[in-house]
Amino acid sequence: MLRNRPPSEQTARVLFALAEDPKAWRHGYDLCQQTGIKAGAMYPILIRLADRGLLETAWESEIPKGRPPRHLYRPTKAGAALARELNEQRAAATLRPRVAGAR
């Protein structure tokens, strides 16, 4: 089933953060710090993006002593393409002249 609704602003921020370096694995806490999105919203976003094939996921392989392993994320080709598309749409919307009286 295809979605017609665009991603939320928070989801777009997560995609933009991950797309900055698409080959790098990132963990949720790091993304929370960068985007300002709280963990209660971040992890459901990451799960949805992964379920839709927009993120690859893996478990951290080198775990420091005294800390549990973290789940890592990076965009798939489709996820990086969606981030580029959203960025282009955002840029086009800011360049579009406003018409008097239009909403």
PDB file of N, CA and C in Angstrom:
ATOM      1  N   MET A   1       0.841  -1.175   0.000  1.00  0.00           N
ATOM      2  CA  MET A   1       0.000   0.000   0.000  1.00  0.00           C
ATOM      3  C   MET A   1       0.887   1.239   0.000  1.00  0.00           C
ATOM      4  N   LEU A   2       0.715   2.115  -0.958  1.00  0.00           N
ATOM      5  CA  LEU A   2       1.498   3.328  -1.048  1.00  0.00           C
ATOM      6  C   LEU A   2       0.873   4.426  -0.213  1.00  0.00           C
ATOM      7  N   ARG A   3       1.729   5.231   0.388  1.00  0.00           N
ATOM      8  CA  ARG A   3       1.264   6.370   1.175  1.00  0.00           C
ATOM      9  C   ARG A   3       1.239   7.602   0.288  1.00  0.00           C
ATOM     10  N   ASN A   4       0.194   8.390   0.411  1.00  0.00           N
ATOM     11  CA  ASN A   4       0.104   9.628  -0.333  1.00  0.00           C
ATOM     12  C   ASN A   4       0.472  10.827   0.527  1.00  0.00           C
ATOM     13  N   ARG A   5       0.508  10.636   1.815  1.00  0.00           N
ATOM     14  CA  ARG A   5       0.768  11.716   2.751  1.00  0.00           C
ATOM     15  C   ARG A   5       2.277  11.934   2.875  1.00  0.00           C
ATOM     16  N   PRO A   6       2.717  13.193   2.851  1.00  0.00           N
ATOM     17  CA  PRO A   6       4.158  13.445   3.024  1.00  0.00           C
ATOM     18  C   PRO A   6       4.588  13.163   4.461  1.00  0.00           C
ATOM     19  N   PRO A   7       5.874  12.904   4.673  1.00  0.00           N
ATOM     20  CA  PRO A   7       6.360  12.654   6.035  1.00  0.00           C
ATOM     21  C   PRO A   7       6.171  13.884   6.923  1.00  0.00           C
ATOM     22  N   SER A   8       6.043  13.654   8.210  1.00  0.00           N
ATOM     23  CA  SER A   8       5.920  14.750   9.168  1.00  0.00           C
ATOM     24  C   SER A   8       7.223  15.544   9.209  1.00  0.00           C
ATOM     25  N   GLU A   9       7.159  16.720   9.801  1.00  0.00           N
ATOM     26  CA  GLU A   9       8.360  17.556   9.948  1.00  0.00           C
ATOM     27  C   GLU A   9       9.426  16.819  10.761  1.00  0.00           C
ATOM     28  N   GLN A  10       9.017  16.115  11.814  1.00  0.00           N
ATOM     29  CA  GLN A  10       9.982  15.364  12.625  1.00  0.00           C
ATOM     30  C   GLN A  10      10.626  14.248  11.812  1.00  0.00           C
ATOM     31  N   THR A  11       9.842  13.532  11.042  1.00  0.00           N
ATOM     32  CA  THR A  11      10.378  12.458  10.212  1.00  0.00           C
ATOM     33  C   THR A  11      11.347  13.020   9.191  1.00  0.00           C
ATOM     34  N   ALA A  12      11.007  14.143   8.593  1.00  0.00           N
ATOM     35  CA  ALA A  12      11.906  14.787   7.625  1.00  0.00           C
ATOM     36  C   ALA A  12      13.216  15.182   8.301  1.00  0.00           C
ATOM     37  N   ARG A  13      13.155  15.702   9.530  1.00  0.00           N
ATOM     38  CA  ARG A  13      14.385  16.082  10.243  1.00  0.00           C
ATOM     39  C   ARG A  13      15.284  14.869  10.489  1.00  0.00           C
ATOM     40  N   VAL A  14      14.675  13.738  10.812  1.00  0.00           N
ATOM     41  CA  VAL A  14      15.448  12.513  11.020  1.00  0.00           C
ATOM     42  C   VAL A  14      16.107  12.088   9.709  1.00  0.00           C
ATOM     43  N   LEU A  15      15.346  12.095   8.632  1.00  0.00           N
ATOM     44  CA  LEU A  15      15.901  11.724   7.323  1.00  0.00           C
ATOM     45  C   LEU A  15      17.035  12.660   6.910  1.00  0.00           C
ATOM     46  N   PHE A  16      16.858  13.967   7.122  1.00  0.00           N
ATOM     47  CA  PHE A  16      17.903  14.930   6.775  1.00  0.00           C
ATOM     48  C   PHE A  16      19.170  14.669   7.589  1.00  0.00           C
ATOM     49  N   ALA A  17      19.006  14.385   8.874  1.00  0.00           N
ATOM     50  CA  ALA A  17      20.169  14.115   9.735  1.00  0.00           C
ATOM     51  C   ALA A  17      20.910  12.866   9.265  1.00  0.00           C
ATOM     52  N   LEU A  18      20.171  11.826   8.945  1.00  0.00           N
ATOM     53  CA  LEU A  18      20.804  10.585   8.484  1.00  0.00           C
ATOM     54  C   LEU A  18      21.439  10.760   7.109  1.00  0.00           C
ATOM     55  N   ALA A  19      20.857  11.587   6.268  1.00  0.00           N
ATOM     56  CA  ALA A  19      21.351  11.774   4.904  1.00  0.00           C
ATOM     57  C   ALA A  19      22.613  12.637   4.845  1.00  0.00           C
ATOM     58  N   GLU A  20      22.958  13.311   5.943  1.00  0.00           N
ATOM     59  CA  GLU A  20      24.185  14.114   5.946  1.00  0.00           C
ATOM     60  C   GLU A  20      25.406  13.259   5.645  1.00  0.00           C
ATOM     61  N   ASP A  21      25.425  12.042   6.156  1.00  0.00           N
ATOM     62  CA  ASP A  21      26.491  11.081   5.870  1.00  0.00           C
ATOM     63  C   ASP A  21      25.835   9.709   5.753  1.00  0.00           C
ATOM     64  N   PRO A  22      25.290   9.405   4.566  1.00  0.00           N
ATOM     65  CA  PRO A  22      24.463   8.197   4.422  1.00  0.00           C
ATOM     66  C   PRO A  22      25.181   6.874   4.665  1.00  0.00           C
ATOM     67  N   LYS A  23      26.496   6.858   4.651  1.00  0.00           N
ATOM     68  CA  LYS A  23      27.212   5.602   4.877  1.00  0.00           C
ATOM     69  C   LYS A  23      27.515   5.368   6.364  1.00  0.00           C
ATOM     70  N   ALA A  24      27.339   6.409   7.170  1.00  0.00           N
ATOM     71  CA  ALA A  24      27.655   6.298   8.598  1.00  0.00           C
ATOM     72  C   ALA A  24      26.479   5.696   9.359  1.00  0.00           C
ATOM     73  N   TRP A  25      26.806   4.785  10.269  1.00  0.00           N
ATOM     74  CA  TRP A  25      25.796   4.218  11.165  1.00  0.00           C
ATOM     75  C   TRP A  25      25.584   5.198  12.306  1.00  0.00           C
ATOM     76  N   ARG A  26      24.330   5.467  12.646  1.00  0.00           N
ATOM     77  CA  ARG A  26      23.992   6.401  13.725  1.00  0.00           C
ATOM     78  C   ARG A  26      23.075   5.695  14.717  1.00  0.00           C
ATOM     79  N   HIS A  27      23.143   6.085  15.971  1.00  0.00           N
ATOM     80  CA  HIS A  27      22.237   5.514  16.972  1.00  0.00           C
ATOM     81  C   HIS A  27      21.208   6.562  17.361  1.00  0.00           C
ATOM     82  N   GLY A  28      20.112   6.099  17.927  1.00  0.00           N
ATOM     83  CA  GLY A  28      18.977   6.963  18.228  1.00  0.00           C
ATOM     84  C   GLY A  28      19.301   8.118  19.149  1.00  0.00           C
ATOM     85  N   TYR A  29      20.106   7.877  20.179  1.00  0.00           N
ATOM     86  CA  TYR A  29      20.441   8.947  21.117  1.00  0.00           C
ATOM     87  C   TYR A  29      21.157  10.086  20.394  1.00  0.00           C
ATOM     88  N   ASP A  30      22.083   9.732  19.535  1.00  0.00           N
ATOM     89  CA  ASP A  30      22.823  10.715  18.745  1.00  0.00           C
ATOM     90  C   ASP A  30      21.859  11.538  17.883  1.00  0.00           C
ATOM     91  N   LEU A  31      20.904  10.867  17.258  1.00  0.00           N
ATOM     92  CA  LEU A  31      19.921  11.563  16.423  1.00  0.00           C
ATOM     93  C   LEU A  31      19.012  12.452  17.267  1.00  0.00           C
ATOM     94  N   CYS A  32      18.667  12.003  18.467  1.00  0.00           N
ATOM     95  CA  CYS A  32      17.872  12.848  19.379  1.00  0.00           C
ATOM     96  C   CYS A  32      18.620  14.137  19.695  1.00  0.00           C
ATOM     97  N   GLN A  33      19.915  14.018  19.983  1.00  0.00           N
ATOM     98  CA  GLN A  33      20.721  15.183  20.308  1.00  0.00           C
ATOM     99  C   GLN A  33      20.800  16.150  19.124  1.00  0.00           C
ATOM    100  N   GLN A  34      20.987  15.619  17.931  1.00  0.00           N
ATOM    101  CA  GLN A  34      21.139  16.458  16.742  1.00  0.00           C
ATOM    102  C   GLN A  34      19.836  17.151  16.349  1.00  0.00           C
ATOM    103  N   THR A  35      18.733  16.430  16.404  1.00  0.00           N
ATOM    104  CA  THR A  35      17.467  16.957  15.895  1.00  0.00           C
ATOM    105  C   THR A  35      16.615  17.644  16.946  1.00  0.00           C
ATOM    106  N   GLY A  36      16.890  17.375  18.216  1.00  0.00           N
ATOM    107  CA  GLY A  36      16.058  17.928  19.282  1.00  0.00           C
ATOM    108  C   GLY A  36      14.753  17.167  19.481  1.00  0.00           C
ATOM    109  N   ILE A  37      14.629  16.028  18.830  1.00  0.00           N
ATOM    110  CA  ILE A  37      13.427  15.197  18.970  1.00  0.00           C
ATOM    111  C   ILE A  37      13.619  14.286  20.175  1.00  0.00           C
ATOM    112  N   LYS A  38      12.617  14.202  21.019  1.00  0.00           N
ATOM    113  CA  LYS A  38      12.689  13.368  22.219  1.00  0.00           C
ATOM    114  C   LYS A  38      12.622  11.882  21.842  1.00  0.00           C
ATOM    115  N   ALA A  39      13.208  11.054  22.695  1.00  0.00           N
ATOM    116  CA  ALA A  39      13.288   9.615  22.430  1.00  0.00           C
ATOM    117  C   ALA A  39      11.914   8.986  22.216  1.00  0.00           C
ATOM    118  N   GLY A  40      10.904   9.468  22.932  1.00  0.00           N
ATOM    119  CA  GLY A  40       9.558   8.913  22.796  1.00  0.00           C
ATOM    120  C   GLY A  40       8.970   9.085  21.406  1.00  0.00           C
ATOM    121  N   ALA A  41       9.458  10.062  20.671  1.00  0.00           N
ATOM    122  CA  ALA A  41       9.032  10.259  19.281  1.00  0.00           C
ATOM    123  C   ALA A  41      10.057   9.681  18.309  1.00  0.00           C
ATOM    124  N   MET A  42      11.341   9.737  18.677  1.00  0.00           N
ATOM    125  CA  MET A  42      12.409   9.307  17.766  1.00  0.00           C
ATOM    126  C   MET A  42      12.312   7.829  17.418  1.00  0.00           C
ATOM    127  N   TYR A  43      12.189   6.985  18.429  1.00  0.00           N
ATOM    128  CA  TYR A  43      12.251   5.552  18.150  1.00  0.00           C
ATOM    129  C   TYR A  43      11.067   5.051  17.322  1.00  0.00           C
ATOM    130  N   PRO A  44       9.849   5.518  17.531  1.00  0.00           N
ATOM    131  CA  PRO A  44       8.773   5.123  16.617  1.00  0.00           C
ATOM    132  C   PRO A  44       9.028   5.591  15.175  1.00  0.00           C
ATOM    133  N   ILE A  45       9.628   6.768  15.010  1.00  0.00           N
ATOM    134  CA  ILE A  45       9.965   7.250  13.661  1.00  0.00           C
ATOM    135  C   ILE A  45      10.985   6.315  13.026  1.00  0.00           C
ATOM    136  N   LEU A  46      12.027   5.970  13.761  1.00  0.00           N
ATOM    137  CA  LEU A  46      13.061   5.078  13.220  1.00  0.00           C
ATOM    138  C   LEU A  46      12.483   3.715  12.866  1.00  0.00           C
ATOM    139  N   ILE A  47      11.602   3.202  13.700  1.00  0.00           N
ATOM    140  CA  ILE A  47      10.984   1.894  13.423  1.00  0.00           C
ATOM    141  C   ILE A  47      10.136   1.967  12.166  1.00  0.00           C
ATOM    142  N   ARG A  48       9.324   3.029  12.036  1.00  0.00           N
ATOM    143  CA  ARG A  48       8.490   3.174  10.827  1.00  0.00           C
ATOM    144  C   ARG A  48       9.342   3.285   9.570  1.00  0.00           C
ATOM    145  N   LEU A  49      10.408   4.096   9.630  1.00  0.00           N
ATOM    146  CA  LEU A  49      11.277   4.258   8.466  1.00  0.00           C
ATOM    147  C   LEU A  49      11.936   2.935   8.093  1.00  0.00           C
ATOM    148  N   ALA A  50      12.362   2.170   9.090  1.00  0.00           N
ATOM    149  CA  ALA A  50      12.971   0.861   8.819  1.00  0.00           C
ATOM    150  C   ALA A  50      11.936  -0.104   8.240  1.00  0.00           C
ATOM    151  N   ASP A  51      10.719  -0.104   8.785  1.00  0.00           N
ATOM    152  CA  ASP A  51       9.666  -0.991   8.278  1.00  0.00           C
ATOM    153  C   ASP A  51       9.317  -0.677   6.823  1.00  0.00           C
ATOM    154  N   ARG A  52       9.480   0.578   6.425  1.00  0.00           N
ATOM    155  CA  ARG A  52       9.159   0.999   5.049  1.00  0.00           C
ATOM    156  C   ARG A  52      10.354   0.855   4.109  1.00  0.00           C
ATOM    157  N   GLY A  53      11.440   0.287   4.609  1.00  0.00           N
ATOM    158  CA  GLY A  53      12.606   0.055   3.765  1.00  0.00           C
ATOM    159  C   GLY A  53      13.437   1.302   3.503  1.00  0.00           C
ATOM    160  N   LEU A  54      13.275   2.332   4.333  1.00  0.00           N
ATOM    161  CA  LEU A  54      14.014   3.573   4.142  1.00  0.00           C
ATOM    162  C   LEU A  54      15.273   3.636   5.002  1.00  0.00           C
ATOM    163  N   LEU A  55      15.393   2.718   5.965  1.00  0.00           N
ATOM    164  CA  LEU A  55      16.577   2.644   6.817  1.00  0.00           C
ATOM    165  C   LEU A  55      17.073   1.216   6.904  1.00  0.00           C
ATOM    166  N   GLU A  56      18.386   1.063   6.958  1.00  0.00           N
ATOM    167  CA  GLU A  56      19.017  -0.204   7.318  1.00  0.00           C
ATOM    168  C   GLU A  56      19.213  -0.168   8.831  1.00  0.00           C
ATOM    169  N   THR A  57      19.151  -1.300   9.462  1.00  0.00           N
ATOM    170  CA  THR A  57      19.378  -1.371  10.900  1.00  0.00           C
ATOM    171  C   THR A  57      20.400  -2.466  11.212  1.00  0.00           C
ATOM    172  N   ALA A  58      21.121  -2.267  12.292  1.00  0.00           N
ATOM    173  CA  ALA A  58      22.094  -3.267  12.753  1.00  0.00           C
ATOM    174  C   ALA A  58      22.309  -3.049  14.243  1.00  0.00           C
ATOM    175  N   TRP A  59      22.852  -4.057  14.887  1.00  0.00           N
ATOM    176  CA  TRP A  59      23.241  -3.918  16.288  1.00  0.00           C
ATOM    177  C   TRP A  59      24.714  -3.557  16.348  1.00  0.00           C
ATOM    178  N   GLU A  60      25.061  -2.727  17.292  1.00  0.00           N
ATOM    179  CA  GLU A  60      26.447  -2.321  17.512  1.00  0.00           C
ATOM    180  C   GLU A  60      27.292  -3.564  17.759  1.00  0.00           C
ATOM    181  N   SER A  61      28.434  -3.655  17.089  1.00  0.00           N
ATOM    182  CA  SER A  61      29.269  -4.842  17.236  1.00  0.00           C
ATOM    183  C   SER A  61      30.322  -4.682  18.331  1.00  0.00           C
ATOM    184  N   GLU A  62      30.863  -3.496  18.499  1.00  0.00           N
ATOM    185  CA  GLU A  62      31.859  -3.255  19.544  1.00  0.00           C
ATOM    186  C   GLU A  62      31.183  -2.490  20.681  1.00  0.00           C
ATOM    187  N   ILE A  63      30.928  -3.204  21.754  1.00  0.00           N
ATOM    188  CA  ILE A  63      30.158  -2.647  22.868  1.00  0.00           C
ATOM    189  C   ILE A  63      31.098  -2.306  24.023  1.00  0.00           C
ATOM    190  N   PRO A  64      31.133  -1.044  24.434  1.00  0.00           N
ATOM    191  CA  PRO A  64      31.956  -0.699  25.604  1.00  0.00           C
ATOM    192  C   PRO A  64      31.443  -1.420  26.856  1.00  0.00           C
ATOM    193  N   LYS A  65      32.367  -1.758  27.718  1.00  0.00           N
ATOM    194  CA  LYS A  65      32.010  -2.463  28.957  1.00  0.00           C
ATOM    195  C   LYS A  65      31.054  -1.613  29.785  1.00  0.00           C
ATOM    196  N   GLY A  66      30.023  -2.263  30.300  1.00  0.00           N
ATOM    197  CA  GLY A  66      29.076  -1.590  31.169  1.00  0.00           C
ATOM    198  C   GLY A  66      27.911  -0.928  30.450  1.00  0.00           C
ATOM    199  N   ARG A  67      27.822  -1.088  29.133  1.00  0.00           N
ATOM    200  CA  ARG A  67      26.722  -0.484  28.392  1.00  0.00           C
ATOM    201  C   ARG A  67      26.119  -1.538  27.465  1.00  0.00           C
ATOM    202  N   PRO A  68      24.799  -1.569  27.372  1.00  0.00           N
ATOM    203  CA  PRO A  68      24.183  -2.536  26.455  1.00  0.00           C
ATOM    204  C   PRO A  68      24.433  -2.134  25.000  1.00  0.00           C
ATOM    205  N   PRO A  69      24.301  -3.077  24.074  1.00  0.00           N
ATOM    206  CA  PRO A  69      24.485  -2.734  22.657  1.00  0.00           C
ATOM    207  C   PRO A  69      23.384  -1.790  22.187  1.00  0.00           C
ATOM    208  N   ARG A  70      23.741  -0.945  21.233  1.00  0.00           N
ATOM    209  CA  ARG A  70      22.769  -0.005  20.681  1.00  0.00           C
ATOM    210  C   ARG A  70      22.373  -0.442  19.278  1.00  0.00           C
ATOM    211  N   HIS A  71      21.161  -0.078  18.927  1.00  0.00           N
ATOM    212  CA  HIS A  71      20.668  -0.306  17.577  1.00  0.00           C
ATOM    213  C   HIS A  71      21.185   0.838  16.717  1.00  0.00           C
ATOM    214  N   LEU A  72      21.671   0.533  15.535  1.00  0.00           N
ATOM    215  CA  LEU A  72      22.244   1.534  14.638  1.00  0.00           C
ATOM    216  C   LEU A  72      21.398   1.651  13.381  1.00  0.00           C
ATOM    217  N   TYR A  73      21.429   2.832  12.781  1.00  0.00           N
ATOM    218  CA  TYR A  73      20.597   3.125  11.615  1.00  0.00           C
ATOM    219  C   TYR A  73      21.395   3.890  10.568  1.00  0.00           C
ATOM    220  N   ARG A  74      21.073   3.642   9.300  1.00  0.00           N
ATOM    221  CA  ARG A  74      21.566   4.467   8.201  1.00  0.00           C
ATOM    222  C   ARG A  74      20.557   4.340   7.061  1.00  0.00           C
ATOM    223  N   PRO A  75      20.495   5.362   6.213  1.00  0.00           N
ATOM    224  CA  PRO A  75      19.483   5.322   5.158  1.00  0.00           C
ATOM    225  C   PRO A  75      19.822   4.315   4.063  1.00  0.00           C
ATOM    226  N   THR A  76      18.803   3.702   3.525  1.00  0.00           N
ATOM    227  CA  THR A  76      18.958   2.889   2.323  1.00  0.00           C
ATOM    228  C   THR A  76      19.032   3.855   1.142  1.00  0.00           C
ATOM    229  N   LYS A  77      19.215   3.331  -0.051  1.00  0.00           N
ATOM    230  CA  LYS A  77      19.201   4.201  -1.241  1.00  0.00           C
ATOM    231  C   LYS A  77      17.860   4.914  -1.355  1.00  0.00           C
ATOM    232  N   ALA A  78      16.792   4.189  -1.057  1.00  0.00           N
ATOM    233  CA  ALA A  78      15.453   4.793  -1.126  1.00  0.00           C
ATOM    234  C   ALA A  78      15.291   5.873  -0.063  1.00  0.00           C
ATOM    235  N   GLY A  79      15.842   5.664   1.125  1.00  0.00           N
ATOM    236  CA  GLY A  79      15.764   6.656   2.190  1.00  0.00           C
ATOM    237  C   GLY A  79      16.554   7.913   1.853  1.00  0.00           C
ATOM    238  N   ALA A  80      17.745   7.733   1.293  1.00  0.00           N
ATOM    239  CA  ALA A  80      18.557   8.884   0.890  1.00  0.00           C
ATOM    240  C   ALA A  80      17.872   9.641  -0.246  1.00  0.00           C
ATOM    241  N   ALA A  81      17.244   8.909  -1.171  1.00  0.00           N
ATOM    242  CA  ALA A  81      16.526   9.555  -2.272  1.00  0.00           C
ATOM    243  C   ALA A  81      15.334  10.357  -1.758  1.00  0.00           C
ATOM    244  N   LEU A  82      14.616   9.804  -0.775  1.00  0.00           N
ATOM    245  CA  LEU A  82      13.486  10.526  -0.195  1.00  0.00           C
ATOM    246  C   LEU A  82      13.968  11.795   0.510  1.00  0.00           C
ATOM    247  N   ALA A  83      15.084  11.717   1.225  1.00  0.00           N
ATOM    248  CA  ALA A  83      15.634  12.903   1.896  1.00  0.00           C
ATOM    249  C   ALA A  83      15.987  13.975   0.869  1.00  0.00           C
ATOM    250  N   ARG A  84      16.605  13.579  -0.252  1.00  0.00           N
ATOM    251  CA  ARG A  84      16.934  14.546  -1.312  1.00  0.00           C
ATOM    252  C   ARG A  84      15.666  15.167  -1.884  1.00  0.00           C
ATOM    253  N   GLU A  85      14.665  14.337  -2.137  1.00  0.00           N
ATOM    254  CA  GLU A  85      13.393  14.823  -2.700  1.00  0.00           C
ATOM    255  C   GLU A  85      12.722  15.825  -1.751  1.00  0.00           C
ATOM    256  N   LEU A  86      12.696  15.491  -0.463  1.00  0.00           N
ATOM    257  CA  LEU A  86      12.094  16.392   0.519  1.00  0.00           C
ATOM    258  C   LEU A  86      12.870  17.707   0.610  1.00  0.00           C
ATOM    259  N   ASN A  87      14.190  17.612   0.531  1.00  0.00           N
ATOM    260  CA  ASN A  87      15.021  18.805   0.585  1.00  0.00           C
ATOM    261  C   ASN A  87      14.763  19.692  -0.639  1.00  0.00           C
ATOM    262  N   GLU A  88      14.624  19.074  -1.813  1.00  0.00           N
ATOM    263  CA  GLU A  88      14.327  19.829  -3.041  1.00  0.00           C
ATOM    264  C   GLU A  88      12.945  20.475  -2.957  1.00  0.00           C
ATOM    265  N   GLN A  89      11.964  19.745  -2.425  1.00  0.00           N
ATOM    266  CA  GLN A  89      10.622  20.309  -2.274  1.00  0.00           C
ATOM    267  C   GLN A  89      10.635  21.492  -1.316  1.00  0.00           C
ATOM    268  N   ARG A  90      11.377  21.347  -0.235  1.00  0.00           N
ATOM    269  CA  ARG A  90      11.483  22.423   0.750  1.00  0.00           C
ATOM    270  C   ARG A  90      12.141  23.655   0.120  1.00  0.00           C
ATOM    271  N   ALA A  91      13.200  23.435  -0.650  1.00  0.00           N
ATOM    272  CA  ALA A  91      13.890  24.554  -1.306  1.00  0.00           C
ATOM    273  C   ALA A  91      12.973  25.227  -2.322  1.00  0.00           C
ATOM    274  N   ALA A  92      12.229  24.429  -3.089  1.00  0.00           N
ATOM    275  CA  ALA A  92      11.325  24.995  -4.092  1.00  0.00           C
ATOM    276  C   ALA A  92      10.211  25.797  -3.425  1.00  0.00           C
ATOM    277  N   ALA A  93       9.733  25.332  -2.283  1.00  0.00           N
ATOM    278  CA  ALA A  93       8.651  26.032  -1.588  1.00  0.00           C
ATOM    279  C   ALA A  93       9.120  27.381  -1.049  1.00  0.00           C
ATOM    280  N   THR A  94      10.378  27.471  -0.640  1.00  0.00           N
ATOM    281  CA  THR A  94      10.876  28.745  -0.112  1.00  0.00           C
ATOM    282  C   THR A  94      11.176  29.729  -1.237  1.00  0.00           C
ATOM    283  N   LEU A  95      11.389  29.240  -2.451  1.00  0.00           N
ATOM    284  CA  LEU A  95      11.681  30.115  -3.590  1.00  0.00           C
ATOM    285  C   LEU A  95      10.418  30.574  -4.313  1.00  0.00           C
ATOM    286  N   ARG A  96       9.330  29.877  -4.085  1.00  0.00           N
ATOM    287  CA  ARG A  96       8.073  30.191  -4.763  1.00  0.00           C
ATOM    288  C   ARG A  96       7.548  31.551  -4.297  1.00  0.00           C
ATOM    289  N   PRO A  97       7.220  32.464  -5.232  1.00  0.00           N
ATOM    290  CA  PRO A  97       6.695  33.770  -4.806  1.00  0.00           C
ATOM    291  C   PRO A  97       5.304  33.613  -4.204  1.00  0.00           C
ATOM    292  N   ARG A  98       5.029  34.419  -3.221  1.00  0.00           N
ATOM    293  CA  ARG A  98       3.721  34.379  -2.567  1.00  0.00           C
ATOM    294  C   ARG A  98       2.762  35.282  -3.336  1.00  0.00           C
ATOM    295  N   VAL A  99       1.546  34.792  -3.529  1.00  0.00           N
ATOM    296  CA  VAL A  99       0.518  35.547  -4.224  1.00  0.00           C
ATOM    297  C   VAL A  99      -0.357  36.205  -3.166  1.00  0.00           C
ATOM    298  N   ALA A 100      -0.609  37.483  -3.350  1.00  0.00           N
ATOM    299  CA  ALA A 100      -1.445  38.226  -2.393  1.00  0.00           C
ATOM    300  C   ALA A 100      -2.806  37.565  -2.277  1.00  0.00           C
ATOM    301  N   GLY A 101      -3.248  37.351  -1.068  1.00  0.00           N
ATOM    302  CA  GLY A 101      -4.556  36.748  -0.821  1.00  0.00           C
ATOM    303  C   GLY A 101      -4.574  35.232  -0.863  1.00  0.00           C
ATOM    304  N   ALA A 102      -3.483  34.602  -1.303  1.00  0.00           N
ATOM    305  CA  ALA A 102      -3.442  33.123  -1.358  1.00  0.00           C
ATOM    306  C   ALA A 102      -3.083  32.571   0.002  1.00  0.00           C
ATOM    307  N   ARG A 103      -3.580  31.384   0.288  1.00  0.00           N
ATOM    308  CA  ARG A 103      -3.260  30.720   1.562  1.00  0.00           C
ATOM    309  C   ARG A 103      -2.362  29.574   1.337  1.00  0.00           C
TER     310      ARG A 103
END
